[in-house]
Amino acid sequence: MTEPGPPDQPTAPRERRPIIERIRLAAVAAVLAALFGGVALASWAGGEPFLAVMAGIGCLMTAWVGGLTLFRG
């Protein structure tokens, strides 16, 4: 990671991650999203709506970041 320079000098653009690294990070995010989804379903079935909603939000956020990692790099 580069240190930001003085305001009058532009910083160097970030390099994209290699495709294999992006695929692997997205796969990790998919596994974690599936686990969050499982917790959400189990919580809903067990009568814990607050936990179910929170786990569902965690599932969506993890899937979103995994998609951003894969497609934007």
PDB file of N, CA and C in Angstrom:
ATOM      1  N   MET A   1       0.846  -1.162   0.000  1.00  0.00           N
ATOM      2  CA  MET A   1       0.000   0.000   0.000  1.00  0.00           C
ATOM      3  C   MET A   1       0.893   1.227   0.000  1.00  0.00           C
ATOM      4  N   THR A   2       0.565   2.177  -0.841  1.00  0.00           N
ATOM      5  CA  THR A   2       1.398   3.370  -0.939  1.00  0.00           C
ATOM      6  C   THR A   2       0.917   4.434   0.025  1.00  0.00           C
ATOM      7  N   GLU A   3       1.870   5.201   0.522  1.00  0.00           N
ATOM      8  CA  GLU A   3       1.529   6.322   1.397  1.00  0.00           C
ATOM      9  C   GLU A   3       0.993   7.460   0.553  1.00  0.00           C
ATOM     10  N   PRO A   4      -0.052   8.135   1.008  1.00  0.00           N
ATOM     11  CA  PRO A   4      -0.535   9.275   0.236  1.00  0.00           C
ATOM     12  C   PRO A   4       0.497  10.397   0.239  1.00  0.00           C
ATOM     13  N   GLY A   5       0.672  10.997  -0.923  1.00  0.00           N
ATOM     14  CA  GLY A   5       1.639  12.080  -1.055  1.00  0.00           C
ATOM     15  C   GLY A   5       1.003  13.404  -0.693  1.00  0.00           C
ATOM     16  N   PRO A   6       1.753  14.465  -0.896  1.00  0.00           N
ATOM     17  CA  PRO A   6       1.185  15.795  -0.663  1.00  0.00           C
ATOM     18  C   PRO A   6      -0.029  16.020  -1.563  1.00  0.00           C
ATOM     19  N   PRO A   7      -0.930  16.908  -1.180  1.00  0.00           N
ATOM     20  CA  PRO A   7      -2.156  17.108  -1.952  1.00  0.00           C
ATOM     21  C   PRO A   7      -1.926  17.540  -3.387  1.00  0.00           C
ATOM     22  N   ASP A   8      -0.796  18.170  -3.688  1.00  0.00           N
ATOM     23  CA  ASP A   8      -0.577  18.642  -5.050  1.00  0.00           C
ATOM     24  C   ASP A   8      -0.057  17.552  -5.980  1.00  0.00           C
ATOM     25  N   GLN A   9       0.327  16.386  -5.437  1.00  0.00           N
ATOM     26  CA  GLN A   9       0.815  15.285  -6.264  1.00  0.00           C
ATOM     27  C   GLN A   9      -0.225  14.177  -6.306  1.00  0.00           C
ATOM     28  N   PRO A  10      -0.582  13.700  -7.510  1.00  0.00           N
ATOM     29  CA  PRO A  10      -1.563  12.608  -7.588  1.00  0.00           C
ATOM     30  C   PRO A  10      -0.956  11.296  -7.094  1.00  0.00           C
ATOM     31  N   THR A  11      -1.791  10.451  -6.524  1.00  0.00           N
ATOM     32  CA  THR A  11      -1.327   9.140  -6.065  1.00  0.00           C
ATOM     33  C   THR A  11      -1.408   8.151  -7.216  1.00  0.00           C
ATOM     34  N   ALA A  12      -0.603   7.115  -7.143  1.00  0.00           N
ATOM     35  CA  ALA A  12      -0.591   6.091  -8.192  1.00  0.00           C
ATOM     36  C   ALA A  12      -1.891   5.288  -8.131  1.00  0.00           C
ATOM     37  N   PRO A  13      -2.440   4.880  -9.279  1.00  0.00           N
ATOM     38  CA  PRO A  13      -3.666   4.078  -9.266  1.00  0.00           C
ATOM     39  C   PRO A  13      -3.402   2.699  -8.657  1.00  0.00           C
ATOM     40  N   ARG A  14      -4.437   2.147  -8.024  1.00  0.00           N
ATOM     41  CA  ARG A  14      -4.299   0.827  -7.405  1.00  0.00           C
ATOM     42  C   ARG A  14      -4.224  -0.247  -8.472  1.00  0.00           C
ATOM     43  N   GLU A  15      -3.442  -1.282  -8.187  1.00  0.00           N
ATOM     44  CA  GLU A  15      -3.379  -2.431  -9.094  1.00  0.00           C
ATOM     45  C   GLU A  15      -4.536  -3.369  -8.798  1.00  0.00           C
ATOM     46  N   ARG A  16      -5.074  -3.986  -9.846  1.00  0.00           N
ATOM     47  CA  ARG A  16      -6.142  -4.969  -9.655  1.00  0.00           C
ATOM     48  C   ARG A  16      -5.548  -6.268  -9.136  1.00  0.00           C
ATOM     49  N   ARG A  17      -6.342  -6.969  -8.348  1.00  0.00           N
ATOM     50  CA  ARG A  17      -5.900  -8.275  -7.860  1.00  0.00           C
ATOM     51  C   ARG A  17      -5.917  -9.270  -9.021  1.00  0.00           C
ATOM     52  N   PRO A  18      -5.058 -10.286  -8.984  1.00  0.00           N
ATOM     53  CA  PRO A  18      -5.109 -11.328 -10.017  1.00  0.00           C
ATOM     54  C   PRO A  18      -6.456 -12.059  -9.955  1.00  0.00           C
ATOM     55  N   ILE A  19      -6.890 -12.578 -11.092  1.00  0.00           N
ATOM     56  CA  ILE A  19      -8.213 -13.209 -11.178  1.00  0.00           C
ATOM     57  C   ILE A  19      -8.329 -14.413 -10.234  1.00  0.00           C
ATOM     58  N   ILE A  20      -7.265 -15.193 -10.081  1.00  0.00           N
ATOM     59  CA  ILE A  20      -7.343 -16.363  -9.203  1.00  0.00           C
ATOM     60  C   ILE A  20      -7.555 -15.933  -7.754  1.00  0.00           C
ATOM     61  N   GLU A  21      -6.922 -14.837  -7.361  1.00  0.00           N
ATOM     62  CA  GLU A  21      -7.109 -14.335  -5.998  1.00  0.00           C
ATOM     63  C   GLU A  21      -8.535 -13.823  -5.805  1.00  0.00           C
ATOM     64  N   ARG A  22      -9.077 -13.150  -6.819  1.00  0.00           N
ATOM     65  CA  ARG A  22     -10.450 -12.655  -6.716  1.00  0.00           C
ATOM     66  C   ARG A  22     -11.445 -13.808  -6.638  1.00  0.00           C
ATOM     67  N   ILE A  23     -11.198 -14.872  -7.403  1.00  0.00           N
ATOM     68  CA  ILE A  23     -12.099 -16.036  -7.374  1.00  0.00           C
ATOM     69  C   ILE A  23     -12.053 -16.697  -5.998  1.00  0.00           C
ATOM     70  N   ARG A  24     -10.856 -16.827  -5.453  1.00  0.00           N
ATOM     71  CA  ARG A  24     -10.731 -17.468  -4.135  1.00  0.00           C
ATOM     72  C   ARG A  24     -11.375 -16.633  -3.032  1.00  0.00           C
ATOM     73  N   LEU A  25     -11.189 -15.332  -3.070  1.00  0.00           N
ATOM     74  CA  LEU A  25     -11.820 -14.466  -2.066  1.00  0.00           C
ATOM     75  C   LEU A  25     -13.346 -14.506  -2.202  1.00  0.00           C
ATOM     76  N   ALA A  26     -13.843 -14.540  -3.427  1.00  0.00           N
ATOM     77  CA  ALA A  26     -15.281 -14.640  -3.628  1.00  0.00           C
ATOM     78  C   ALA A  26     -15.812 -15.989  -3.139  1.00  0.00           C
ATOM     79  N   ALA A  27     -15.021 -17.047  -3.286  1.00  0.00           N
ATOM     80  CA  ALA A  27     -15.434 -18.359  -2.788  1.00  0.00           C
ATOM     81  C   ALA A  27     -15.516 -18.367  -1.264  1.00  0.00           C
ATOM     82  N   VAL A  28     -14.554 -17.740  -0.609  1.00  0.00           N
ATOM     83  CA  VAL A  28     -14.596 -17.627   0.852  1.00  0.00           C
ATOM     84  C   VAL A  28     -15.843 -16.844   1.274  1.00  0.00           C
ATOM     85  N   ALA A  29     -16.128 -15.759   0.561  1.00  0.00           N
ATOM     86  CA  ALA A  29     -17.317 -14.960   0.872  1.00  0.00           C
ATOM     87  C   ALA A  29     -18.589 -15.781   0.649  1.00  0.00           C
ATOM     88  N   ALA A  30     -18.618 -16.620  -0.374  1.00  0.00           N
ATOM     89  CA  ALA A  30     -19.794 -17.452  -0.631  1.00  0.00           C
ATOM     90  C   ALA A  30     -20.020 -18.455   0.503  1.00  0.00           C
ATOM     91  N   VAL A  31     -18.939 -19.047   1.007  1.00  0.00           N
ATOM     92  CA  VAL A  31     -19.069 -19.997   2.120  1.00  0.00           C
ATOM     93  C   VAL A  31     -19.593 -19.279   3.366  1.00  0.00           C
ATOM     94  N   LEU A  32     -19.025 -18.110   3.663  1.00  0.00           N
ATOM     95  CA  LEU A  32     -19.478 -17.367   4.841  1.00  0.00           C
ATOM     96  C   LEU A  32     -20.920 -16.893   4.677  1.00  0.00           C
ATOM     97  N   ALA A  33     -21.301 -16.479   3.474  1.00  0.00           N
ATOM     98  CA  ALA A  33     -22.686 -16.068   3.234  1.00  0.00           C
ATOM     99  C   ALA A  33     -23.636 -17.243   3.429  1.00  0.00           C
ATOM    100  N   ALA A  34     -23.224 -18.424   2.987  1.00  0.00           N
ATOM    101  CA  ALA A  34     -24.060 -19.612   3.187  1.00  0.00           C
ATOM    102  C   ALA A  34     -24.211 -19.930   4.676  1.00  0.00           C
ATOM    103  N   LEU A  35     -23.138 -19.758   5.442  1.00  0.00           N
ATOM    104  CA  LEU A  35     -23.225 -19.997   6.885  1.00  0.00           C
ATOM    105  C   LEU A  35     -24.154 -18.987   7.554  1.00  0.00           C
ATOM    106  N   PHE A  36     -24.029 -17.708   7.178  1.00  0.00           N
ATOM    107  CA  PHE A  36     -24.941 -16.698   7.705  1.00  0.00           C
ATOM    108  C   PHE A  36     -26.384 -17.016   7.324  1.00  0.00           C
ATOM    109  N   GLY A  37     -26.591 -17.464   6.091  1.00  0.00           N
ATOM    110  CA  GLY A  37     -27.938 -17.833   5.656  1.00  0.00           C
ATOM    111  C   GLY A  37     -28.492 -19.006   6.450  1.00  0.00           C
ATOM    112  N   GLY A  38     -27.636 -19.974   6.746  1.00  0.00           N
ATOM    113  CA  GLY A  38     -28.070 -21.107   7.563  1.00  0.00           C
ATOM    114  C   GLY A  38     -28.455 -20.684   8.971  1.00  0.00           C
ATOM    115  N   VAL A  39     -27.676 -19.779   9.536  1.00  0.00           N
ATOM    116  CA  VAL A  39     -28.014 -19.257  10.869  1.00  0.00           C
ATOM    117  C   VAL A  39     -29.341 -18.509  10.815  1.00  0.00           C
ATOM    118  N   ALA A  40     -29.549 -17.735   9.746  1.00  0.00           N
ATOM    119  CA  ALA A  40     -30.798 -16.987   9.603  1.00  0.00           C
ATOM    120  C   ALA A  40     -31.997 -17.931   9.525  1.00  0.00           C
ATOM    121  N   LEU A  41     -31.875 -18.967   8.725  1.00  0.00           N
ATOM    122  CA  LEU A  41     -32.984 -19.923   8.603  1.00  0.00           C
ATOM    123  C   LEU A  41     -33.231 -20.667   9.913  1.00  0.00           C
ATOM    124  N   ALA A  42     -32.164 -21.100  10.557  1.00  0.00           N
ATOM    125  CA  ALA A  42     -32.320 -21.819  11.822  1.00  0.00           C
ATOM    126  C   ALA A  42     -32.916 -20.914  12.901  1.00  0.00           C
ATOM    127  N   SER A  43     -32.496 -19.664  12.907  1.00  0.00           N
ATOM    128  CA  SER A  43     -33.024 -18.725  13.898  1.00  0.00           C
ATOM    129  C   SER A  43     -34.500 -18.449  13.645  1.00  0.00           C
ATOM    130  N   TRP A  44     -34.863 -18.292  12.397  1.00  0.00           N
ATOM    131  CA  TRP A  44     -36.272 -18.043  12.064  1.00  0.00           C
ATOM    132  C   TRP A  44     -37.129 -19.243  12.456  1.00  0.00           C
ATOM    133  N   ALA A  45     -36.638 -20.441  12.147  1.00  0.00           N
ATOM    134  CA  ALA A  45     -37.382 -21.656  12.494  1.00  0.00           C
ATOM    135  C   ALA A  45     -37.458 -21.842  14.006  1.00  0.00           C
ATOM    136  N   GLY A  46     -36.455 -21.342  14.739  1.00  0.00           N
ATOM    137  CA  GLY A  46     -36.435 -21.480  16.187  1.00  0.00           C
ATOM    138  C   GLY A  46     -37.165 -20.372  16.927  1.00  0.00           C
ATOM    139  N   GLY A  47     -37.762 -19.456  16.178  1.00  0.00           N
ATOM    140  CA  GLY A  47     -38.537 -18.411  16.825  1.00  0.00           C
ATOM    141  C   GLY A  47     -37.724 -17.221  17.328  1.00  0.00           C
ATOM    142  N   GLU A  48     -36.584 -16.966  16.713  1.00  0.00           N
ATOM    143  CA  GLU A  48     -35.737 -15.828  17.096  1.00  0.00           C
ATOM    144  C   GLU A  48     -35.672 -14.855  15.913  1.00  0.00           C
ATOM    145  N   PRO A  49     -36.686 -14.023  15.724  1.00  0.00           N
ATOM    146  CA  PRO A  49     -36.710 -13.170  14.531  1.00  0.00           C
ATOM    147  C   PRO A  49     -35.595 -12.120  14.497  1.00  0.00           C
ATOM    148  N   PHE A  50     -35.208 -11.575  15.646  1.00  0.00           N
ATOM    149  CA  PHE A  50     -34.144 -10.573  15.633  1.00  0.00           C
ATOM    150  C   PHE A  50     -32.834 -11.176  15.137  1.00  0.00           C
ATOM    151  N   LEU A  51     -32.467 -12.338  15.672  1.00  0.00           N
ATOM    152  CA  LEU A  51     -31.247 -13.007  15.239  1.00  0.00           C
ATOM    153  C   LEU A  51     -31.339 -13.400  13.770  1.00  0.00           C
ATOM    154  N   ALA A  52     -32.531 -13.826  13.336  1.00  0.00           N
ATOM    155  CA  ALA A  52     -32.718 -14.201  11.941  1.00  0.00           C
ATOM    156  C   ALA A  52     -32.498 -13.006  11.016  1.00  0.00           C
ATOM    157  N   VAL A  53     -33.030 -11.860  11.393  1.00  0.00           N
ATOM    158  CA  VAL A  53     -32.853 -10.659  10.569  1.00  0.00           C
ATOM    159  C   VAL A  53     -31.388 -10.234  10.547  1.00  0.00           C
ATOM    160  N   MET A  54     -30.745 -10.254  11.682  1.00  0.00           N
ATOM    161  CA  MET A  54     -29.338  -9.856  11.738  1.00  0.00           C
ATOM    162  C   MET A  54     -28.463 -10.809  10.925  1.00  0.00           C
ATOM    163  N   ALA A  55     -28.703 -12.101  11.008  1.00  0.00           N
ATOM    164  CA  ALA A  55     -27.933 -13.064  10.220  1.00  0.00           C
ATOM    165  C   ALA A  55     -28.242 -12.916   8.735  1.00  0.00           C
ATOM    166  N   GLY A  56     -29.498 -12.608   8.402  1.00  0.00           N
ATOM    167  CA  GLY A  56     -29.848 -12.375   7.002  1.00  0.00           C
ATOM    168  C   GLY A  56     -29.138 -11.160   6.439  1.00  0.00           C
ATOM    169  N   ILE A  57     -29.047 -10.104   7.237  1.00  0.00           N
ATOM    170  CA  ILE A  57     -28.302  -8.913   6.806  1.00  0.00           C
ATOM    171  C   ILE A  57     -26.820  -9.260   6.628  1.00  0.00           C
ATOM    172  N   GLY A  58     -26.280 -10.038   7.534  1.00  0.00           N
ATOM    173  CA  GLY A  58     -24.888 -10.472   7.397  1.00  0.00           C
ATOM    174  C   GLY A  58     -24.674 -11.292   6.137  1.00  0.00           C
ATOM    175  N   CYS A  59     -25.637 -12.145   5.809  1.00  0.00           N
ATOM    176  CA  CYS A  59     -25.568 -12.945   4.590  1.00  0.00           C
ATOM    177  C   CYS A  59     -25.550 -12.045   3.353  1.00  0.00           C
ATOM    178  N   LEU A  60     -26.452 -11.083   3.302  1.00  0.00           N
ATOM    179  CA  LEU A  60     -26.525 -10.188   2.145  1.00  0.00           C
ATOM    180  C   LEU A  60     -25.268  -9.327   2.018  1.00  0.00           C
ATOM    181  N   MET A  61     -24.782  -8.811   3.129  1.00  0.00           N
ATOM    182  CA  MET A  61     -23.590  -7.961   3.081  1.00  0.00           C
ATOM    183  C   MET A  61     -22.358  -8.756   2.647  1.00  0.00           C
ATOM    184  N   THR A  62     -22.233  -9.983   3.133  1.00  0.00           N
ATOM    185  CA  THR A  62     -21.096 -10.809   2.753  1.00  0.00           C
ATOM    186  C   THR A  62     -21.158 -11.177   1.277  1.00  0.00           C
ATOM    187  N   ALA A  63     -22.353 -11.502   0.791  1.00  0.00           N
ATOM    188  CA  ALA A  63     -22.513 -11.820  -0.634  1.00  0.00           C
ATOM    189  C   ALA A  63     -22.211 -10.589  -1.496  1.00  0.00           C
ATOM    190  N   TRP A  64     -22.632  -9.430  -1.036  1.00  0.00           N
ATOM    191  CA  TRP A  64     -22.387  -8.191  -1.772  1.00  0.00           C
ATOM    192  C   TRP A  64     -20.886  -7.908  -1.884  1.00  0.00           C
ATOM    193  N   VAL A  65     -20.173  -8.017  -0.781  1.00  0.00           N
ATOM    194  CA  VAL A  65     -18.732  -7.758  -0.804  1.00  0.00           C
ATOM    195  C   VAL A  65     -18.008  -8.820  -1.631  1.00  0.00           C
ATOM    196  N   GLY A  66     -18.460 -10.057  -1.572  1.00  0.00           N
ATOM    197  CA  GLY A  66     -17.856 -11.094  -2.419  1.00  0.00           C
ATOM    198  C   GLY A  66     -18.047 -10.799  -3.893  1.00  0.00           C
ATOM    199  N   GLY A  67     -19.226 -10.316  -4.251  1.00  0.00           N
ATOM    200  CA  GLY A  67     -19.468  -9.939  -5.641  1.00  0.00           C
ATOM    201  C   GLY A  67     -18.621  -8.755  -6.072  1.00  0.00           C
ATOM    202  N   LEU A  68     -18.494  -7.769  -5.191  1.00  0.00           N
ATOM    203  CA  LEU A  68     -17.639  -6.622  -5.511  1.00  0.00           C
ATOM    204  C   LEU A  68     -16.183  -7.048  -5.696  1.00  0.00           C
ATOM    205  N   THR A  69     -15.724  -7.950  -4.845  1.00  0.00           N
ATOM    206  CA  THR A  69     -14.359  -8.438  -4.953  1.00  0.00           C
ATOM    207  C   THR A  69     -14.137  -9.142  -6.279  1.00  0.00           C
ATOM    208  N   LEU A  70     -15.105  -9.930  -6.692  1.00  0.00           N
ATOM    209  CA  LEU A  70     -14.966 -10.699  -7.926  1.00  0.00           C
ATOM    210  C   LEU A  70     -15.049  -9.812  -9.161  1.00  0.00           C
ATOM    211  N   PHE A  71     -16.001  -8.911  -9.199  1.00  0.00           N
ATOM    212  CA  PHE A  71     -16.248  -8.164 -10.420  1.00  0.00           C
ATOM    213  C   PHE A  71     -15.499  -6.848 -10.519  1.00  0.00           C
ATOM    214  N   ARG A  72     -15.197  -6.207  -9.404  1.00  0.00           N
ATOM    215  CA  ARG A  72     -14.473  -4.939  -9.464  1.00  0.00           C
ATOM    216  C   ARG A  72     -12.994  -5.105  -9.194  1.00  0.00           C
ATOM    217  N   GLY A  73     -12.637  -6.155  -8.459  1.00  0.00           N
ATOM    218  CA  GLY A  73     -11.239  -6.477  -8.205  1.00  0.00           C
ATOM    219  C   GLY A  73     -10.552  -5.518  -7.309  1.00  0.00           C
TER     220      GLY A  73
END
